[in-house]
Amino acid sequence: QRRVREAVVSTQSTGMRGIKSQGMLLCASDKDHKTVEVLRIPKGSKPGERITGESFSEAPDAQLNPKKKIFEKVQVDLTTDDSLQVMYKGELLRTSAGVITAPTLKSAVIR
């Protein structure tokens, strides 16, 4: 099926379990990681569009240091609320077309 999905894209590929990886698909999971769901991007979102929040600055960092493990620090504050909306530190994550959601998981871990 042809669908737009959210991904964390890395400009520098890396080997992961014998496969060259250039990004990660974001998913919601329950606390036990027994149920995993791919997040839903609102219809009308465009490929390559940035995911933002109300208080996010418009200018991304020019370059990230891979040794600082930025995503691992951010990931602990990614979750879903009772309305299945994806949040970072309590702030809704969205594209220009609307809020990103999980199909069924409330209070989910996002990885």
N, C-alpha and C. Protein backbone atom coordinates (compact mmCIF):
# COMPACT_ATOMS: atom_id res chain seq x y z
N GLN A 1 0.83 -1.17 0.00
CA GLN A 1 0.00 0.00 0.00
C GLN A 1 0.88 1.24 0.00
N ARG A 2 0.44 2.25 -0.71
CA ARG A 2 1.21 3.49 -0.79
C ARG A 2 0.73 4.43 0.31
N ARG A 3 1.56 4.59 1.35
CA ARG A 3 1.22 5.46 2.46
C ARG A 3 2.43 6.30 2.82
N VAL A 4 2.15 7.49 3.34
CA VAL A 4 3.22 8.33 3.87
C VAL A 4 3.45 7.88 5.31
N ARG A 5 4.71 7.65 5.68
CA ARG A 5 5.06 7.24 7.04
C ARG A 5 6.08 8.20 7.60
N GLU A 6 6.14 8.28 8.93
CA GLU A 6 7.13 9.12 9.58
C GLU A 6 8.41 8.32 9.76
N ALA A 7 9.50 9.00 9.65
CA ALA A 7 10.79 8.34 9.84
C ALA A 7 11.79 9.35 10.39
N VAL A 8 12.71 8.85 11.16
CA VAL A 8 13.86 9.65 11.57
C VAL A 8 14.95 9.28 10.59
N VAL A 9 15.36 10.23 9.79
CA VAL A 9 16.30 9.94 8.71
C VAL A 9 17.70 10.39 9.11
N SER A 10 18.64 9.53 8.84
CA SER A 10 20.04 9.81 9.11
C SER A 10 20.73 10.07 7.78
N THR A 11 21.53 11.12 7.72
CA THR A 11 22.25 11.39 6.48
C THR A 11 23.47 10.49 6.33
N GLN A 12 23.91 9.91 7.42
CA GLN A 12 25.04 9.01 7.36
C GLN A 12 24.53 7.60 7.66
N SER A 13 24.65 6.70 6.68
CA SER A 13 24.14 5.35 6.88
C SER A 13 25.05 4.59 7.85
N THR A 14 24.44 3.61 8.50
CA THR A 14 25.18 2.82 9.47
C THR A 14 24.75 1.36 9.36
N GLY A 15 25.63 0.45 9.70
CA GLY A 15 25.29 -0.96 9.67
C GLY A 15 24.49 -1.35 10.90
N MET A 16 23.39 -2.08 10.69
CA MET A 16 22.56 -2.52 11.79
C MET A 16 22.08 -3.94 11.49
N ARG A 17 22.58 -4.90 12.26
CA ARG A 17 22.23 -6.31 12.06
C ARG A 17 22.51 -6.76 10.63
N GLY A 18 23.62 -6.29 10.08
CA GLY A 18 24.03 -6.72 8.75
C GLY A 18 23.35 -6.00 7.60
N ILE A 19 22.55 -4.99 7.91
CA ILE A 19 21.83 -4.24 6.88
C ILE A 19 22.23 -2.78 7.00
N LYS A 20 22.41 -2.10 5.86
CA LYS A 20 22.74 -0.68 5.88
C LYS A 20 21.47 0.12 6.15
N SER A 21 21.48 0.88 7.25
CA SER A 21 20.32 1.66 7.67
C SER A 21 20.57 3.14 7.44
N GLN A 22 19.55 3.83 6.91
CA GLN A 22 19.63 5.27 6.72
C GLN A 22 18.52 6.00 7.46
N GLY A 23 17.83 5.31 8.34
CA GLY A 23 16.78 5.94 9.12
C GLY A 23 16.02 4.93 9.94
N MET A 24 15.02 5.42 10.69
CA MET A 24 14.20 4.57 11.54
C MET A 24 12.74 4.91 11.34
N LEU A 25 11.90 3.90 11.32
CA LEU A 25 10.46 4.08 11.26
C LEU A 25 9.98 4.19 12.70
N LEU A 26 9.24 5.23 13.03
CA LEU A 26 8.78 5.41 14.40
C LEU A 26 7.50 4.61 14.65
N CYS A 27 7.48 3.91 15.80
CA CYS A 27 6.35 3.07 16.18
C CYS A 27 5.98 3.31 17.63
N ALA A 28 4.73 3.03 17.95
CA ALA A 28 4.26 3.05 19.32
C ALA A 28 4.23 1.61 19.81
N SER A 29 4.55 1.41 21.09
CA SER A 29 4.46 0.06 21.66
C SER A 29 3.94 0.14 23.09
N ASP A 30 3.38 -0.97 23.55
CA ASP A 30 2.95 -1.01 24.95
C ASP A 30 4.19 -1.18 25.83
N LYS A 31 3.99 -1.11 27.12
CA LYS A 31 5.13 -1.16 28.06
C LYS A 31 5.93 -2.45 27.94
N ASP A 32 5.28 -3.56 27.61
CA ASP A 32 5.95 -4.86 27.48
C ASP A 32 6.52 -5.09 26.08
N HIS A 33 6.26 -4.18 25.16
CA HIS A 33 6.70 -4.27 23.76
C HIS A 33 6.12 -5.51 23.07
N LYS A 34 4.94 -5.94 23.52
CA LYS A 34 4.27 -7.08 22.87
C LYS A 34 3.40 -6.61 21.71
N THR A 35 2.88 -5.39 21.81
CA THR A 35 2.09 -4.80 20.73
C THR A 35 2.86 -3.61 20.18
N VAL A 36 3.08 -3.61 18.87
CA VAL A 36 3.81 -2.52 18.20
C VAL A 36 2.98 -2.03 17.03
N GLU A 37 2.84 -0.71 16.90
CA GLU A 37 2.06 -0.11 15.83
C GLU A 37 2.85 1.01 15.15
N VAL A 38 2.79 1.05 13.84
CA VAL A 38 3.39 2.15 13.09
C VAL A 38 2.52 3.38 13.30
N LEU A 39 3.15 4.52 13.58
CA LEU A 39 2.40 5.76 13.80
C LEU A 39 1.68 6.20 12.54
N ARG A 40 0.59 6.93 12.71
CA ARG A 40 -0.21 7.44 11.59
C ARG A 40 0.11 8.92 11.36
N ILE A 41 0.48 9.22 10.14
CA ILE A 41 0.71 10.60 9.71
C ILE A 41 -0.59 11.10 9.09
N PRO A 42 -1.00 12.33 9.37
CA PRO A 42 -2.26 12.84 8.82
C PRO A 42 -2.27 12.85 7.29
N LYS A 43 -3.43 12.55 6.72
CA LYS A 43 -3.58 12.64 5.27
C LYS A 43 -3.26 14.07 4.84
N GLY A 44 -2.57 14.19 3.73
CA GLY A 44 -2.18 15.51 3.24
C GLY A 44 -0.76 15.88 3.62
N SER A 45 -0.12 15.08 4.48
CA SER A 45 1.29 15.32 4.83
C SER A 45 2.15 15.01 3.62
N LYS A 46 3.25 15.73 3.49
CA LYS A 46 4.10 15.56 2.31
C LYS A 46 5.39 14.81 2.66
N PRO A 47 5.86 13.95 1.77
CA PRO A 47 7.14 13.26 2.02
C PRO A 47 8.26 14.28 2.27
N GLY A 48 9.05 14.04 3.31
CA GLY A 48 10.15 14.93 3.64
C GLY A 48 9.77 16.08 4.55
N GLU A 49 8.50 16.19 4.86
CA GLU A 49 8.03 17.28 5.72
C GLU A 49 8.54 17.09 7.15
N ARG A 50 8.88 18.18 7.81
CA ARG A 50 9.34 18.12 9.19
C ARG A 50 8.18 17.91 10.15
N ILE A 51 8.44 17.13 11.19
CA ILE A 51 7.49 16.98 12.29
C ILE A 51 7.84 18.07 13.29
N THR A 52 6.82 18.82 13.73
CA THR A 52 7.07 19.96 14.61
C THR A 52 6.13 19.95 15.81
N GLY A 53 6.39 20.88 16.70
CA GLY A 53 5.53 21.15 17.85
C GLY A 53 5.44 22.66 18.01
N GLU A 54 4.49 23.13 18.78
CA GLU A 54 4.27 24.57 18.96
C GLU A 54 5.53 25.34 19.34
N SER A 55 6.31 24.82 20.28
CA SER A 55 7.45 25.58 20.79
C SER A 55 8.78 25.24 20.11
N PHE A 56 8.74 24.39 19.08
CA PHE A 56 9.98 24.01 18.40
C PHE A 56 10.50 25.17 17.57
N SER A 57 11.82 25.32 17.55
CA SER A 57 12.40 26.36 16.70
C SER A 57 12.33 25.89 15.25
N GLU A 58 12.24 26.82 14.35
CA GLU A 58 12.16 26.47 12.92
C GLU A 58 13.49 26.04 12.34
N ALA A 59 14.58 26.46 12.95
CA ALA A 59 15.90 26.14 12.41
C ALA A 59 16.46 24.86 13.05
N PRO A 60 16.62 23.79 12.26
CA PRO A 60 17.22 22.57 12.82
C PRO A 60 18.72 22.77 13.04
N ASP A 61 19.32 21.94 13.86
CA ASP A 61 20.76 21.99 14.05
C ASP A 61 21.45 21.75 12.71
N ALA A 62 22.53 22.45 12.45
CA ALA A 62 23.25 22.31 11.19
C ALA A 62 23.83 20.90 11.05
N GLN A 63 24.31 20.34 12.16
CA GLN A 63 24.89 19.00 12.14
C GLN A 63 24.78 18.39 13.53
N LEU A 64 24.40 17.12 13.57
CA LEU A 64 24.31 16.43 14.85
C LEU A 64 25.53 15.54 15.04
N ASN A 65 26.01 15.48 16.25
CA ASN A 65 27.13 14.62 16.58
C ASN A 65 26.57 13.23 16.93
N PRO A 66 26.83 12.21 16.10
CA PRO A 66 26.26 10.88 16.36
C PRO A 66 26.71 10.27 17.68
N LYS A 67 27.81 10.72 18.22
CA LYS A 67 28.30 10.17 19.48
C LYS A 67 27.52 10.69 20.68
N LYS A 68 26.72 11.73 20.49
CA LYS A 68 25.95 12.29 21.60
C LYS A 68 24.63 11.55 21.82
N LYS A 69 24.27 10.61 20.94
CA LYS A 69 23.05 9.81 21.10
C LYS A 69 21.82 10.70 21.30
N ILE A 70 21.60 11.64 20.39
CA ILE A 70 20.51 12.61 20.50
C ILE A 70 19.15 11.92 20.55
N PHE A 71 18.88 10.98 19.63
CA PHE A 71 17.56 10.35 19.61
C PHE A 71 17.29 9.62 20.92
N GLU A 72 18.27 8.95 21.48
CA GLU A 72 18.08 8.22 22.72
C GLU A 72 17.66 9.16 23.85
N LYS A 73 18.17 10.39 23.84
CA LYS A 73 17.79 11.38 24.86
C LYS A 73 16.37 11.90 24.63
N VAL A 74 16.00 12.10 23.38
CA VAL A 74 14.68 12.61 23.03
C VAL A 74 13.61 11.54 23.23
N GLN A 75 13.92 10.32 22.87
CA GLN A 75 12.96 9.22 22.85
C GLN A 75 12.26 9.00 24.20
N VAL A 76 12.94 9.21 25.30
CA VAL A 76 12.33 8.96 26.61
C VAL A 76 11.13 9.86 26.89
N ASP A 77 11.01 10.98 26.19
CA ASP A 77 9.89 11.91 26.38
C ASP A 77 8.84 11.81 25.28
N LEU A 78 8.94 10.82 24.39
CA LEU A 78 7.94 10.60 23.35
C LEU A 78 6.90 9.61 23.85
N THR A 79 5.62 9.95 23.73
CA THR A 79 4.54 9.08 24.21
C THR A 79 3.25 9.41 23.46
N THR A 80 2.19 8.66 23.77
CA THR A 80 0.87 9.00 23.26
C THR A 80 -0.02 9.35 24.44
N ASP A 81 -1.03 10.18 24.20
CA ASP A 81 -1.96 10.55 25.26
C ASP A 81 -3.22 9.67 25.18
N ASP A 82 -4.24 9.98 25.98
CA ASP A 82 -5.46 9.18 26.00
C ASP A 82 -6.27 9.29 24.71
N SER A 83 -5.95 10.30 23.88
CA SER A 83 -6.63 10.46 22.58
C SER A 83 -5.79 9.88 21.45
N LEU A 84 -4.73 9.12 21.79
CA LEU A 84 -3.83 8.46 20.82
C LEU A 84 -2.91 9.43 20.09
N GLN A 85 -2.85 10.67 20.51
CA GLN A 85 -2.00 11.67 19.88
C GLN A 85 -0.56 11.54 20.38
N VAL A 86 0.39 11.70 19.47
CA VAL A 86 1.81 11.59 19.82
C VAL A 86 2.28 12.91 20.43
N MET A 87 3.01 12.78 21.55
CA MET A 87 3.47 13.96 22.27
C MET A 87 4.95 13.86 22.60
N TYR A 88 5.59 15.02 22.68
CA TYR A 88 6.97 15.13 23.17
C TYR A 88 6.96 16.13 24.32
N LYS A 89 7.29 15.67 25.50
CA LYS A 89 7.26 16.51 26.71
C LYS A 89 5.91 17.22 26.86
N GLY A 90 4.83 16.49 26.57
CA GLY A 90 3.48 17.03 26.73
C GLY A 90 2.99 17.89 25.59
N GLU A 91 3.79 18.05 24.55
CA GLU A 91 3.43 18.89 23.41
C GLU A 91 3.10 18.01 22.20
N LEU A 92 1.98 18.30 21.52
CA LEU A 92 1.57 17.51 20.36
C LEU A 92 2.56 17.62 19.22
N LEU A 93 2.84 16.49 18.57
CA LEU A 93 3.69 16.47 17.39
C LEU A 93 2.80 16.45 16.16
N ARG A 94 3.15 17.26 15.16
CA ARG A 94 2.29 17.42 13.99
C ARG A 94 3.08 17.69 12.72
N THR A 95 2.39 17.51 11.62
CA THR A 95 2.85 17.98 10.32
C THR A 95 1.95 19.16 9.96
N SER A 96 2.11 19.73 8.79
CA SER A 96 1.24 20.83 8.39
C SER A 96 -0.21 20.37 8.21
N ALA A 97 -0.42 19.05 8.08
CA ALA A 97 -1.76 18.50 7.86
C ALA A 97 -2.47 18.09 9.15
N GLY A 98 -1.77 18.11 10.29
CA GLY A 98 -2.43 17.75 11.54
C GLY A 98 -1.53 16.98 12.49
N VAL A 99 -2.15 16.44 13.54
CA VAL A 99 -1.44 15.76 14.62
C VAL A 99 -1.14 14.31 14.25
N ILE A 100 0.02 13.82 14.64
CA ILE A 100 0.43 12.43 14.43
C ILE A 100 -0.23 11.59 15.52
N THR A 101 -0.70 10.39 15.17
CA THR A 101 -1.40 9.54 16.13
C THR A 101 -0.91 8.10 16.06
N ALA A 102 -1.28 7.34 17.09
CA ALA A 102 -1.08 5.89 17.10
C ALA A 102 -2.45 5.27 16.80
N PRO A 103 -2.48 4.10 16.17
CA PRO A 103 -3.78 3.48 15.86
C PRO A 103 -4.64 3.16 17.09
N THR A 104 -4.05 2.52 18.14
CA THR A 104 -4.87 2.10 19.28
C THR A 104 -4.19 2.25 20.64
N LEU A 105 -2.90 2.51 20.70
CA LEU A 105 -2.17 2.47 21.96
C LEU A 105 -2.15 3.81 22.70
N LYS A 106 -2.73 3.82 23.91
CA LYS A 106 -2.70 4.99 24.78
C LYS A 106 -1.50 4.87 25.73
N SER A 107 -0.93 5.97 26.11
CA SER A 107 0.24 6.00 27.02
C SER A 107 1.34 5.07 26.51
N ALA A 108 1.54 5.09 25.22
CA ALA A 108 2.52 4.19 24.58
C ALA A 108 3.92 4.76 24.62
N VAL A 109 4.88 3.87 24.48
CA VAL A 109 6.28 4.22 24.31
C VAL A 109 6.49 4.41 22.81
N ILE A 110 7.20 5.47 22.41
CA ILE A 110 7.48 5.70 20.99
C ILE A 110 8.95 5.40 20.75
N ARG A 111 9.22 4.53 19.79
CA ARG A 111 10.59 4.17 19.43
C ARG A 111 10.71 4.04 17.94
